[in-house]
Amino acid sequence: MRYLITGGSGYIGTRLVQRLAEREETERVVIADIRPPTAFRPKVTYERLDVRDAAAARELLAGEQPDALVHLAFVLNPMHDERTMYEIDVGGTHNVLEAASAAGTQQVLVTSSATAYGAFPDNPVPIAEDWPVRGVPDFEYARDKAECDRLCQLWGLRHPDRVMTIVRPCIVFGPNVDNYIVRAWSKQPFFADFGLPDQRVQYVHEDDVGEALIRLLDGRCDGPFNLAGDGMMTWGECADLIGLRRRRVPRKAFWKFGELMWRLRLAETPPGNLHFIIHPWVVSTEKLKEATGWSPQFTSRETFDITMRAHGKLGPAKPAERPEISAPVGA
């Protein structure tokens, strides 16, 4: 098997490349990224690719002729330059999919996001894969992910003889993850309590993500698949676990303050991400488990615990410590 992985130098891509390179049946793994990997392995090569360059993407896919393309090249941390973020996430996805079409690539896997469903009061709990992806208009990451997801769905319809796998992970955490979500938990002075129902949240460990991607590739699984760790927490439970005090604040005033901080570039994210604290967006993983036999090694609570310990918010784990699941997953 020959694989080409866009964004293969990232924390998920690095683990996936390692797993694939160790397999006997793997002939070649090409990392296509704007930055080279931190280390090279046998069977692994690197090609610089900016996914905004449609001609370069087409040339690379045509030359490499991979058996499977994995598209992981996305921006997670929100950018003030929304046009650039859109060009990378949505434009880049379009370019890579068009290149795959022209090259005759038979198998494509793209990481979307559970945020593509959006956070709305009418979301079912949990959300299954047949629920529409709606994003939210005032949080660019979720909005762009929904559009990318729809591009992938259209690609699958245009190529019914090929495999299009759309993976929708919840929040990906782990000891190697360092993004605005991790920093929000590790650096914010308090947790804002709006006096609303304490919504549930899911986490999935970076290693469990890699295992799920491998199984979906091996099974040539077509269609969308949610991805999350077993069990759920609530946002308030997360705050309590790391000793972050809750402070009751007016929602509208906090939202306005968030808008100001974003405009002044003193916040890492616009207030639109608060939709995902206020409204439900947890997902079912039954389809993934039934299709692949995948089961996460870490629960949502364990994943959160591991990540916070890695960032100094909790003490070192005891040798036999295994945090209990606070709430079972409904599906």
C-alpha atoms as a PDB file:
ATOM      1  CA  MET A   1       0.000   0.000   0.000  1.00  0.00           C
ATOM      2  CA  ARG A   2       1.112   3.523  -0.821  1.00  0.00           C
ATOM      3  CA  TYR A   3      -0.213   6.344   1.347  1.00  0.00           C
ATOM      4  CA  LEU A   4      -0.105  10.112   0.985  1.00  0.00           C
ATOM      5  CA  ILE A   5      -0.925  12.118   4.108  1.00  0.00           C
ATOM      6  CA  THR A   6      -1.476  15.865   3.966  1.00  0.00           C
ATOM      7  CA  GLY A   7      -0.700  17.494   7.290  1.00  0.00           C
ATOM      8  CA  GLY A   8       1.355  14.427   8.145  1.00  0.00           C
ATOM      9  CA  SER A   9       3.750  16.413  10.351  1.00  0.00           C
ATOM     10  CA  GLY A  10       1.041  17.254  12.898  1.00  0.00           C
ATOM     11  CA  TYR A  11       0.414  15.398  16.155  1.00  0.00           C
ATOM     12  CA  ILE A  12      -2.236  13.113  14.655  1.00  0.00           C
ATOM     13  CA  GLY A  13      -0.396  12.707  11.369  1.00  0.00           C
ATOM     14  CA  THR A  14       2.861  11.845  13.110  1.00  0.00           C
ATOM     15  CA  ARG A  15       1.237   8.949  14.958  1.00  0.00           C
ATOM     16  CA  LEU A  16      -0.555   7.723  11.878  1.00  0.00           C
ATOM     17  CA  VAL A  17       2.638   7.821   9.794  1.00  0.00           C
ATOM     18  CA  GLN A  18       4.488   5.861  12.464  1.00  0.00           C
ATOM     19  CA  ARG A  19       1.806   3.178  12.584  1.00  0.00           C
ATOM     20  CA  LEU A  20       1.615   2.833   8.813  1.00  0.00           C
ATOM     21  CA  ALA A  21       5.396   2.792   8.320  1.00  0.00           C
ATOM     22  CA  GLU A  22       5.766  -0.124  10.732  1.00  0.00           C
ATOM     23  CA  ARG A  23       3.430  -2.349   8.717  1.00  0.00           C
ATOM     24  CA  GLU A  24       4.903  -4.947   6.406  1.00  0.00           C
ATOM     25  CA  GLU A  25       2.306  -4.330   3.692  1.00  0.00           C
ATOM     26  CA  THR A  26       3.151  -0.615   3.515  1.00  0.00           C
ATOM     27  CA  GLU A  27       5.333   0.201   0.548  1.00  0.00           C
ATOM     28  CA  ARG A  28       5.579   3.976   0.978  1.00  0.00           C
ATOM     29  CA  VAL A  29       4.195   6.833   3.066  1.00  0.00           C
ATOM     30  CA  VAL A  30       4.456  10.374   1.707  1.00  0.00           C
ATOM     31  CA  ILE A  31       4.080  13.248   4.161  1.00  0.00           C
ATOM     32  CA  ALA A  32       2.739  16.297   2.319  1.00  0.00           C
ATOM     33  CA  ASP A  33       2.962  19.313   4.605  1.00  0.00           C
ATOM     34  CA  ILE A  34       4.260  22.875   4.725  1.00  0.00           C
ATOM     35  CA  ARG A  35       6.753  21.783   7.392  1.00  0.00           C
ATOM     36  CA  PRO A  36       8.913  18.667   7.449  1.00  0.00           C
ATOM     37  CA  PRO A  37       8.450  15.986  10.104  1.00  0.00           C
ATOM     38  CA  THR A  38      10.620  16.068  13.210  1.00  0.00           C
ATOM     39  CA  ALA A  39      12.014  12.632  12.357  1.00  0.00           C
ATOM     40  CA  PHE A  40      12.133  10.351   9.340  1.00  0.00           C
ATOM     41  CA  ARG A  41      11.474   6.625   9.261  1.00  0.00           C
ATOM     42  CA  PRO A  42      12.088   3.889   6.707  1.00  0.00           C
ATOM     43  CA  LYS A  43       9.475   3.920   3.924  1.00  0.00           C
ATOM     44  CA  VAL A  44       8.597   7.559   4.724  1.00  0.00           C
ATOM     45  CA  THR A  45       9.358  10.522   2.457  1.00  0.00           C
ATOM     46  CA  TYR A  46       8.477  14.202   2.651  1.00  0.00           C
ATOM     47  CA  GLU A  47       7.135  16.547  -0.011  1.00  0.00           C
ATOM     48  CA  ARG A  48       6.449  20.174   0.783  1.00  0.00           C
ATOM     49  CA  LEU A  49       2.849  21.060  -0.062  1.00  0.00           C
ATOM     50  CA  ASP A  50       0.730  24.092   0.645  1.00  0.00           C
ATOM     51  CA  VAL A  51      -2.806  22.800   0.064  1.00  0.00           C
ATOM     52  CA  ARG A  52      -3.838  26.247  -1.190  1.00  0.00           C
ATOM     53  CA  ASP A  53      -1.756  25.542  -4.303  1.00  0.00           C
ATOM     54  CA  ALA A  54      -4.161  23.560  -6.496  1.00  0.00           C
ATOM     55  CA  ALA A  55      -1.591  22.919  -9.250  1.00  0.00           C
ATOM     56  CA  ALA A  56       0.969  21.580  -6.761  1.00  0.00           C
ATOM     57  CA  ALA A  57      -1.603  19.278  -5.190  1.00  0.00           C
ATOM     58  CA  ARG A  58      -2.611  17.941  -8.581  1.00  0.00           C
ATOM     59  CA  GLU A  59       1.002  17.379  -9.624  1.00  0.00           C
ATOM     60  CA  LEU A  60       1.862  15.595  -6.381  1.00  0.00           C
ATOM     61  CA  LEU A  61      -1.138  13.235  -6.476  1.00  0.00           C
ATOM     62  CA  ALA A  62      -0.581  12.486 -10.154  1.00  0.00           C
ATOM     63  CA  GLY A  63       3.087  11.698  -9.561  1.00  0.00           C
ATOM     64  CA  GLU A  64       2.724   9.650  -6.380  1.00  0.00           C
ATOM     65  CA  GLN A  65      -0.401   7.710  -7.353  1.00  0.00           C
ATOM     66  CA  PRO A  66      -1.200   6.691  -3.758  1.00  0.00           C
ATOM     67  CA  ASP A  67      -3.554   3.836  -3.008  1.00  0.00           C
ATOM     68  CA  ALA A  68      -5.009   5.920  -0.184  1.00  0.00           C
ATOM     69  CA  LEU A  69      -5.033   9.647   0.521  1.00  0.00           C
ATOM     70  CA  VAL A  70      -5.456  10.904   4.094  1.00  0.00           C
ATOM     71  CA  HIS A  71      -6.259  14.618   4.363  1.00  0.00           C
ATOM     72  CA  LEU A  72      -5.325  16.077   7.763  1.00  0.00           C
ATOM     73  CA  ALA A  73      -4.108  19.529   6.696  1.00  0.00           C
ATOM     74  CA  PHE A  74      -6.388  21.889   8.601  1.00  0.00           C
ATOM     75  CA  VAL A  75      -6.066  24.899  10.891  1.00  0.00           C
ATOM     76  CA  LEU A  76      -7.494  24.293  14.366  1.00  0.00           C
ATOM     77  CA  ASN A  77      -6.632  27.474  16.249  1.00  0.00           C
ATOM     78  CA  PRO A  78      -8.937  30.296  15.078  1.00  0.00           C
ATOM     79  CA  MET A  79      -7.312  33.032  12.998  1.00  0.00           C
ATOM     80  CA  HIS A  80      -8.220  36.692  12.841  1.00  0.00           C
ATOM     81  CA  ASP A  81      -7.632  36.447   9.104  1.00  0.00           C
ATOM     82  CA  GLU A  82     -10.746  34.386   8.335  1.00  0.00           C
ATOM     83  CA  ARG A  83     -10.068  34.520   4.608  1.00  0.00           C
ATOM     84  CA  THR A  84      -6.714  32.768   5.026  1.00  0.00           C
ATOM     85  CA  MET A  85      -8.228  30.165   7.341  1.00  0.00           C
ATOM     86  CA  TYR A  86     -10.983  29.545   4.794  1.00  0.00           C
ATOM     87  CA  GLU A  87      -8.457  29.220   1.966  1.00  0.00           C
ATOM     88  CA  ILE A  88      -6.497  26.603   3.919  1.00  0.00           C
ATOM     89  CA  ASP A  89      -9.385  24.597   5.345  1.00  0.00           C
ATOM     90  CA  VAL A  90     -12.077  24.813   2.689  1.00  0.00           C
ATOM     91  CA  GLY A  91     -10.030  25.804  -0.355  1.00  0.00           C
ATOM     92  CA  GLY A  92      -7.329  23.317   0.556  1.00  0.00           C
ATOM     93  CA  THR A  93      -9.848  20.506   0.920  1.00  0.00           C
ATOM     94  CA  HIS A  94     -11.358  21.385  -2.458  1.00  0.00           C
ATOM     95  CA  ASN A  95      -7.907  21.382  -4.080  1.00  0.00           C
ATOM     96  CA  VAL A  96      -6.902  18.040  -2.580  1.00  0.00           C
ATOM     97  CA  LEU A  97     -10.187  16.382  -3.531  1.00  0.00           C
ATOM     98  CA  GLU A  98      -9.984  17.695  -7.089  1.00  0.00           C
ATOM     99  CA  ALA A  99      -6.413  16.401  -7.310  1.00  0.00           C
ATOM    100  CA  ALA A 100      -7.581  12.997  -6.062  1.00  0.00           C
ATOM    101  CA  SER A 101     -10.325  12.972  -8.682  1.00  0.00           C
ATOM    102  CA  ALA A 102      -7.871  13.699 -11.484  1.00  0.00           C
ATOM    103  CA  ALA A 103      -5.306  11.169 -10.207  1.00  0.00           C
ATOM    104  CA  GLY A 104      -7.868   8.399  -9.913  1.00  0.00           C
ATOM    105  CA  THR A 105      -7.209   7.925  -6.182  1.00  0.00           C
ATOM    106  CA  GLN A 106      -9.453   5.086  -5.065  1.00  0.00           C
ATOM    107  CA  GLN A 107      -9.542   5.715  -1.317  1.00  0.00           C
ATOM    108  CA  VAL A 108      -9.754   9.052   0.489  1.00  0.00           C
ATOM    109  CA  LEU A 109     -10.071   9.676   4.228  1.00  0.00           C
ATOM    110  CA  VAL A 110     -10.683  13.199   5.537  1.00  0.00           C
ATOM    111  CA  THR A 111     -10.829  14.355   9.132  1.00  0.00           C
ATOM    112  CA  SER A 112     -13.863  16.545   9.593  1.00  0.00           C
ATOM    113  CA  SER A 113     -15.056  17.344  13.137  1.00  0.00           C
ATOM    114  CA  ALA A 114     -18.011  16.799  15.444  1.00  0.00           C
ATOM    115  CA  THR A 115     -18.218  20.604  15.528  1.00  0.00           C
ATOM    116  CA  ALA A 116     -19.438  20.368  11.920  1.00  0.00           C
ATOM    117  CA  TYR A 117     -22.846  19.402  13.356  1.00  0.00           C
ATOM    118  CA  GLY A 118     -22.915  22.723  15.161  1.00  0.00           C
ATOM    119  CA  ALA A 119     -24.179  23.254  18.701  1.00  0.00           C
ATOM    120  CA  PHE A 120     -27.938  23.834  18.725  1.00  0.00           C
ATOM    121  CA  PRO A 121     -30.777  23.349  21.212  1.00  0.00           C
ATOM    122  CA  ASP A 122     -32.510  20.864  18.876  1.00  0.00           C
ATOM    123  CA  ASN A 123     -29.485  18.572  18.444  1.00  0.00           C
ATOM    124  CA  PRO A 124     -30.280  14.995  19.512  1.00  0.00           C
ATOM    125  CA  VAL A 125     -28.226  13.509  22.349  1.00  0.00           C
ATOM    126  CA  PRO A 126     -26.184  11.775  21.083  1.00  0.00           C
ATOM    127  CA  ILE A 127     -25.891  12.783  17.424  1.00  0.00           C
ATOM    128  CA  ALA A 128     -25.705  10.007  14.827  1.00  0.00           C
ATOM    129  CA  GLU A 129     -24.015  10.366  11.445  1.00  0.00           C
ATOM    130  CA  ASP A 130     -27.255  10.952   9.536  1.00  0.00           C
ATOM    131  CA  TRP A 131     -27.820  14.262  11.348  1.00  0.00           C
ATOM    132  CA  PRO A 132     -27.087  17.267   9.067  1.00  0.00           C
ATOM    133  CA  VAL A 133     -23.839  19.206   9.402  1.00  0.00           C
ATOM    134  CA  ARG A 134     -24.827  22.814  10.095  1.00  0.00           C
ATOM    135  CA  GLY A 135     -21.779  24.387  11.732  1.00  0.00           C
ATOM    136  CA  VAL A 136     -22.390  27.732  13.423  1.00  0.00           C
ATOM    137  CA  PRO A 137     -22.167  31.013  11.506  1.00  0.00           C
ATOM    138  CA  ASP A 138     -20.096  32.944  14.068  1.00  0.00           C
ATOM    139  CA  PHE A 139     -17.386  30.357  14.826  1.00  0.00           C
ATOM    140  CA  GLU A 140     -15.175  29.978  11.788  1.00  0.00           C
ATOM    141  CA  TYR A 141     -13.690  26.564  12.628  1.00  0.00           C
ATOM    142  CA  ALA A 142     -17.085  24.861  12.901  1.00  0.00           C
ATOM    143  CA  ARG A 143     -18.435  26.785   9.919  1.00  0.00           C
ATOM    144  CA  ASP A 144     -15.491  25.791   7.742  1.00  0.00           C
ATOM    145  CA  LYS A 145     -15.583  22.178   8.940  1.00  0.00           C
ATOM    146  CA  ALA A 146     -19.240  21.904   7.943  1.00  0.00           C
ATOM    147  CA  GLU A 147     -18.431  23.189   4.457  1.00  0.00           C
ATOM    148  CA  CYS A 148     -15.469  20.822   4.131  1.00  0.00           C
ATOM    149  CA  ASP A 149     -17.660  17.941   5.260  1.00  0.00           C
ATOM    150  CA  ARG A 150     -20.217  18.751   2.578  1.00  0.00           C
ATOM    151  CA  LEU A 151     -17.453  18.903  -0.056  1.00  0.00           C
ATOM    152  CA  CYS A 152     -16.436  15.387   0.964  1.00  0.00           C
ATOM    153  CA  GLN A 153     -20.008  14.158   0.806  1.00  0.00           C
ATOM    154  CA  LEU A 154     -20.340  15.575  -2.713  1.00  0.00           C
ATOM    155  CA  TRP A 155     -17.035  13.963  -3.728  1.00  0.00           C
ATOM    156  CA  GLY A 156     -18.368  10.615  -2.557  1.00  0.00           C
ATOM    157  CA  LEU A 157     -21.537  11.080  -4.589  1.00  0.00           C
ATOM    158  CA  ARG A 158     -19.521  12.018  -7.659  1.00  0.00           C
ATOM    159  CA  HIS A 159     -17.331   8.921  -7.278  1.00  0.00           C
ATOM    160  CA  PRO A 160     -19.582   6.075  -6.155  1.00  0.00           C
ATOM    161  CA  ASP A 161     -16.958   3.553  -7.263  1.00  0.00           C
ATOM    162  CA  ARG A 162     -14.371   4.951  -4.828  1.00  0.00           C
ATOM    163  CA  VAL A 163     -14.150   5.105  -1.019  1.00  0.00           C
ATOM    164  CA  MET A 164     -14.713   8.385   0.804  1.00  0.00           C
ATOM    165  CA  THR A 165     -14.335   8.154   4.589  1.00  0.00           C
ATOM    166  CA  ILE A 166     -15.337  11.220   6.628  1.00  0.00           C
ATOM    167  CA  VAL A 167     -14.175  11.135  10.254  1.00  0.00           C
ATOM    168  CA  ARG A 168     -15.882  13.448  12.760  1.00  0.00           C
ATOM    169  CA  PRO A 169     -13.873  13.478  16.006  1.00  0.00           C
ATOM    170  CA  CYS A 170     -14.931  15.231  19.182  1.00  0.00           C
ATOM    171  CA  ILE A 171     -12.234  17.210  21.061  1.00  0.00           C
ATOM    172  CA  VAL A 172      -8.904  15.442  20.536  1.00  0.00           C
ATOM    173  CA  PHE A 173      -6.726  15.540  23.666  1.00  0.00           C
ATOM    174  CA  GLY A 174      -3.588  13.799  24.830  1.00  0.00           C
ATOM    175  CA  PRO A 175      -0.145  14.524  26.275  1.00  0.00           C
ATOM    176  CA  ASN A 176       1.168  15.864  22.963  1.00  0.00           C
ATOM    177  CA  VAL A 177      -1.771  18.150  22.193  1.00  0.00           C
ATOM    178  CA  ASP A 178      -1.198  21.865  22.759  1.00  0.00           C
ATOM    179  CA  ASN A 179      -3.907  24.058  21.272  1.00  0.00           C
ATOM    180  CA  TYR A 180      -6.293  26.794  22.320  1.00  0.00           C
ATOM    181  CA  ILE A 181      -8.651  24.309  23.995  1.00  0.00           C
ATOM    182  CA  VAL A 182      -5.872  22.909  26.180  1.00  0.00           C
ATOM    183  CA  ARG A 183      -4.702  26.429  27.001  1.00  0.00           C
ATOM    184  CA  ALA A 184      -8.254  27.510  27.829  1.00  0.00           C
ATOM    185  CA  TRP A 185      -8.378  24.858  30.552  1.00  0.00           C
ATOM    186  CA  SER A 186      -4.807  25.314  31.746  1.00  0.00           C
ATOM    187  CA  LYS A 187      -4.633  29.128  31.784  1.00  0.00           C
ATOM    188  CA  GLN A 188      -8.102  30.631  32.247  1.00  0.00           C
ATOM    189  CA  PRO A 189      -8.676  32.143  35.726  1.00  0.00           C
ATOM    190  CA  PHE A 190     -12.214  30.791  36.163  1.00  0.00           C
ATOM    191  CA  PHE A 191     -14.966  28.840  34.446  1.00  0.00           C
ATOM    192  CA  ALA A 192     -17.889  31.010  33.330  1.00  0.00           C
ATOM    193  CA  ASP A 193     -21.214  29.725  34.656  1.00  0.00           C
ATOM    194  CA  PHE A 194     -24.140  31.191  32.715  1.00  0.00           C
ATOM    195  CA  GLY A 195     -26.777  29.630  34.938  1.00  0.00           C
ATOM    196  CA  LEU A 196     -27.768  27.214  32.163  1.00  0.00           C
ATOM    197  CA  PRO A 197     -27.874  23.401  32.144  1.00  0.00           C
ATOM    198  CA  ASP A 198     -24.361  21.952  32.409  1.00  0.00           C
ATOM    199  CA  GLN A 199     -23.847  20.434  28.955  1.00  0.00           C
ATOM    200  CA  ARG A 200     -21.938  17.228  28.365  1.00  0.00           C
ATOM    201  CA  VAL A 201     -18.608  17.041  26.562  1.00  0.00           C
ATOM    202  CA  GLN A 202     -16.517  14.237  25.074  1.00  0.00           C
ATOM    203  CA  TYR A 203     -12.778  13.812  24.575  1.00  0.00           C
ATOM    204  CA  VAL A 204     -10.859  11.272  22.506  1.00  0.00           C
ATOM    205  CA  HIS A 205      -7.198  10.397  23.055  1.00  0.00           C
ATOM    206  CA  GLU A 206      -4.781  11.113  20.218  1.00  0.00           C
ATOM    207  CA  ASP A 207      -3.661   7.464  20.170  1.00  0.00           C
ATOM    208  CA  ASP A 208      -7.266   6.254  19.924  1.00  0.00           C
ATOM    209  CA  VAL A 209      -7.724   8.577  16.943  1.00  0.00           C
ATOM    210  CA  GLY A 210      -4.762   6.965  15.202  1.00  0.00           C
ATOM    211  CA  GLU A 211      -6.134   3.479  15.825  1.00  0.00           C
ATOM    212  CA  ALA A 212      -9.559   4.463  14.499  1.00  0.00           C
ATOM    213  CA  LEU A 213      -8.066   5.928  11.318  1.00  0.00           C
ATOM    214  CA  ILE A 214      -6.055   2.750  10.720  1.00  0.00           C
ATOM    215  CA  ARG A 215      -9.131   0.572  11.095  1.00  0.00           C
ATOM    216  CA  LEU A 216     -11.213   2.757   8.798  1.00  0.00           C
ATOM    217  CA  LEU A 217      -8.477   2.659   6.160  1.00  0.00           C
ATOM    218  CA  ASP A 218      -8.015  -1.089   6.429  1.00  0.00           C
ATOM    219  CA  GLY A 219     -11.751  -1.716   6.237  1.00  0.00           C
ATOM    220  CA  ARG A 220     -12.211   0.698   3.319  1.00  0.00           C
ATOM    221  CA  CYS A 221     -15.147   2.063   5.257  1.00  0.00           C
ATOM    222  CA  ASP A 222     -17.267   4.438   3.205  1.00  0.00           C
ATOM    223  CA  GLY A 223     -19.251   7.358   4.593  1.00  0.00           C
ATOM    224  CA  PRO A 224     -19.166   9.468   7.775  1.00  0.00           C
ATOM    225  CA  PHE A 225     -18.052   8.149  11.172  1.00  0.00           C
ATOM    226  CA  ASN A 226     -18.195   9.880  14.550  1.00  0.00           C
ATOM    227  CA  LEU A 227     -15.204   9.449  16.848  1.00  0.00           C
ATOM    228  CA  ALA A 228     -15.173   9.950  20.631  1.00  0.00           C
ATOM    229  CA  GLY A 229     -13.932   8.321  23.795  1.00  0.00           C
ATOM    230  CA  ASP A 230     -16.363   6.288  25.882  1.00  0.00           C
ATOM    231  CA  GLY A 231     -18.225   8.122  28.619  1.00  0.00           C
ATOM    232  CA  MET A 232     -18.978  11.791  28.985  1.00  0.00           C
ATOM    233  CA  MET A 233     -18.200  14.607  31.381  1.00  0.00           C
ATOM    234  CA  THR A 234     -19.884  17.945  31.845  1.00  0.00           C
ATOM    235  CA  TRP A 235     -18.059  21.217  31.411  1.00  0.00           C
ATOM    236  CA  GLY A 236     -18.540  21.921  35.095  1.00  0.00           C
ATOM    237  CA  GLU A 237     -17.043  18.554  36.043  1.00  0.00           C
ATOM    238  CA  CYS A 238     -13.990  19.364  33.957  1.00  0.00           C
ATOM    239  CA  ALA A 239     -13.557  22.633  35.836  1.00  0.00           C
ATOM    240  CA  ASP A 240     -14.019  20.927  39.201  1.00  0.00           C
ATOM    241  CA  LEU A 241     -11.517  18.179  38.374  1.00  0.00           C
ATOM    242  CA  ILE A 242      -8.687  20.669  37.830  1.00  0.00           C
ATOM    243  CA  GLY A 243      -9.736  22.931  40.694  1.00  0.00           C
ATOM    244  CA  LEU A 244     -10.930  25.766  38.458  1.00  0.00           C
ATOM    245  CA  ARG A 245     -13.486  27.834  40.312  1.00  0.00           C
ATOM    246  CA  ARG A 246     -16.847  28.522  38.723  1.00  0.00           C
ATOM    247  CA  ARG A 247     -18.028  32.114  38.541  1.00  0.00           C
ATOM    248  CA  ARG A 248     -21.588  33.089  37.692  1.00  0.00           C
ATOM    249  CA  VAL A 249     -21.562  35.661  34.903  1.00  0.00           C
ATOM    250  CA  PRO A 250     -24.259  37.220  32.672  1.00  0.00           C
ATOM    251  CA  ARG A 251     -24.105  35.473  29.299  1.00  0.00           C
ATOM    252  CA  LYS A 252     -24.693  38.555  27.138  1.00  0.00           C
ATOM    253  CA  ALA A 253     -22.116  40.620  29.004  1.00  0.00           C
ATOM    254  CA  PHE A 254     -19.561  37.806  28.822  1.00  0.00           C
ATOM    255  CA  TRP A 255     -20.225  37.436  25.093  1.00  0.00           C
ATOM    256  CA  LYS A 256     -19.661  41.164  24.523  1.00  0.00           C
ATOM    257  CA  PHE A 257     -16.479  40.990  26.569  1.00  0.00           C
ATOM    258  CA  GLY A 258     -15.337  38.051  24.449  1.00  0.00           C
ATOM    259  CA  GLU A 259     -15.973  40.022  21.262  1.00  0.00           C
ATOM    260  CA  LEU A 260     -13.873  42.897  22.593  1.00  0.00           C
ATOM    261  CA  MET A 261     -11.030  40.638  23.655  1.00  0.00           C
ATOM    262  CA  TRP A 262     -11.047  38.945  20.229  1.00  0.00           C
ATOM    263  CA  ARG A 263     -10.951  42.291  18.394  1.00  0.00           C
ATOM    264  CA  LEU A 264      -8.055  43.431  20.596  1.00  0.00           C
ATOM    265  CA  ARG A 265      -6.269  40.128  19.886  1.00  0.00           C
ATOM    266  CA  LEU A 266      -6.190  39.331  23.592  1.00  0.00           C
ATOM    267  CA  ALA A 267      -8.201  36.111  23.212  1.00  0.00           C
ATOM    268  CA  GLU A 268      -7.382  33.016  21.161  1.00  0.00           C
ATOM    269  CA  THR A 269     -10.939  32.437  19.997  1.00  0.00           C
ATOM    270  CA  PRO A 270     -14.030  34.491  19.163  1.00  0.00           C
ATOM    271  CA  PRO A 271     -17.067  34.161  21.446  1.00  0.00           C
ATOM    272  CA  GLY A 272     -18.864  31.998  18.869  1.00  0.00           C
ATOM    273  CA  ASN A 273     -17.169  28.970  20.404  1.00  0.00           C
ATOM    274  CA  LEU A 274     -19.389  29.485  23.475  1.00  0.00           C
ATOM    275  CA  HIS A 275     -22.220  27.857  21.497  1.00  0.00           C
ATOM    276  CA  PHE A 276     -20.422  24.560  22.179  1.00  0.00           C
ATOM    277  CA  ILE A 277     -20.616  25.126  25.934  1.00  0.00           C
ATOM    278  CA  ILE A 278     -24.219  26.321  25.918  1.00  0.00           C
ATOM    279  CA  HIS A 279     -25.817  23.772  23.555  1.00  0.00           C
ATOM    280  CA  PRO A 280     -25.449  19.989  23.051  1.00  0.00           C
ATOM    281  CA  TRP A 281     -23.203  18.410  20.397  1.00  0.00           C
ATOM    282  CA  VAL A 282     -22.106  15.022  21.800  1.00  0.00           C
ATOM    283  CA  VAL A 283     -21.947  12.162  19.307  1.00  0.00           C
ATOM    284  CA  SER A 284     -22.677   8.449  19.045  1.00  0.00           C
ATOM    285  CA  THR A 285     -19.810   6.131  18.112  1.00  0.00           C
ATOM    286  CA  GLU A 286     -21.880   2.990  17.523  1.00  0.00           C
ATOM    287  CA  LYS A 287     -21.437   3.099  13.742  1.00  0.00           C
ATOM    288  CA  LEU A 288     -17.639   3.217  14.033  1.00  0.00           C
ATOM    289  CA  LYS A 289     -17.559   0.381  16.567  1.00  0.00           C
ATOM    290  CA  GLU A 290     -19.877  -1.826  14.526  1.00  0.00           C
ATOM    291  CA  ALA A 291     -18.015  -1.210  11.257  1.00  0.00           C
ATOM    292  CA  THR A 292     -14.462  -1.680  12.558  1.00  0.00           C
ATOM    293  CA  GLY A 293     -14.535  -3.305  15.992  1.00  0.00           C
ATOM    294  CA  TRP A 294     -12.712  -0.228  17.335  1.00  0.00           C
ATOM    295  CA  SER A 295     -12.907   0.487  21.034  1.00  0.00           C
ATOM    296  CA  PRO A 296     -11.060   3.368  22.698  1.00  0.00           C
ATOM    297  CA  GLN A 297      -8.281   2.597  25.132  1.00  0.00           C
ATOM    298  CA  PHE A 298      -9.091   5.736  27.111  1.00  0.00           C
ATOM    299  CA  THR A 299     -12.427   7.155  28.282  1.00  0.00           C
ATOM    300  CA  SER A 300     -13.303  10.811  27.890  1.00  0.00           C
ATOM    301  CA  ARG A 301     -12.529  11.398  31.551  1.00  0.00           C
ATOM    302  CA  GLU A 302      -9.193   9.580  31.396  1.00  0.00           C
ATOM    303  CA  THR A 303      -8.208  11.535  28.294  1.00  0.00           C
ATOM    304  CA  PHE A 304      -9.007  14.847  29.980  1.00  0.00           C
ATOM    305  CA  ASP A 305      -7.121  13.733  33.109  1.00  0.00           C
ATOM    306  CA  ILE A 306      -4.039  12.657  31.122  1.00  0.00           C
ATOM    307  CA  THR A 307      -3.955  15.917  29.186  1.00  0.00           C
ATOM    308  CA  MET A 308      -4.323  18.123  32.231  1.00  0.00           C
ATOM    309  CA  ARG A 309      -1.589  16.206  34.066  1.00  0.00           C
ATOM    310  CA  ALA A 310       0.711  16.661  31.068  1.00  0.00           C
ATOM    311  CA  HIS A 311       0.119  20.419  31.286  1.00  0.00           C
ATOM    312  CA  GLY A 312       0.632  20.675  35.012  1.00  0.00           C
ATOM    313  CA  LYS A 313      -2.995  21.119  36.101  1.00  0.00           C
ATOM    314  CA  LEU A 314      -3.068  17.895  38.120  1.00  0.00           C
ATOM    315  CA  GLY A 315      -0.438  15.998  40.080  1.00  0.00           C
ATOM    316  CA  PRO A 316       1.328  12.925  38.684  1.00  0.00           C
ATOM    317  CA  ALA A 317      -0.896   9.896  38.262  1.00  0.00           C
ATOM    318  CA  LYS A 318      -0.630   7.036  40.737  1.00  0.00           C
ATOM    319  CA  PRO A 319       0.604   3.755  39.184  1.00  0.00           C
ATOM    320  CA  ALA A 320      -2.789   2.021  39.477  1.00  0.00           C
ATOM    321  CA  GLU A 321      -4.890   5.130  39.007  1.00  0.00           C
ATOM    322  CA  ARG A 322      -7.697   4.883  36.466  1.00  0.00           C
ATOM    323  CA  PRO A 323     -10.286   7.682  36.722  1.00  0.00           C
ATOM    324  CA  GLU A 324     -13.858   6.481  36.744  1.00  0.00           C
ATOM    325  CA  ILE A 325     -16.376   7.405  34.033  1.00  0.00           C
ATOM    326  CA  SER A 326     -18.711  10.058  35.375  1.00  0.00           C
ATOM    327  CA  ALA A 327     -21.537   9.446  32.946  1.00  0.00           C
ATOM    328  CA  PRO A 328     -22.122   6.565  30.504  1.00  0.00           C
ATOM    329  CA  VAL A 329     -22.430   7.165  26.780  1.00  0.00           C
ATOM    330  CA  GLY A 330     -25.950   6.674  25.555  1.00  0.00           C
ATOM    331  CA  ALA A 331     -24.742   5.343  22.207  1.00  0.00           C
END
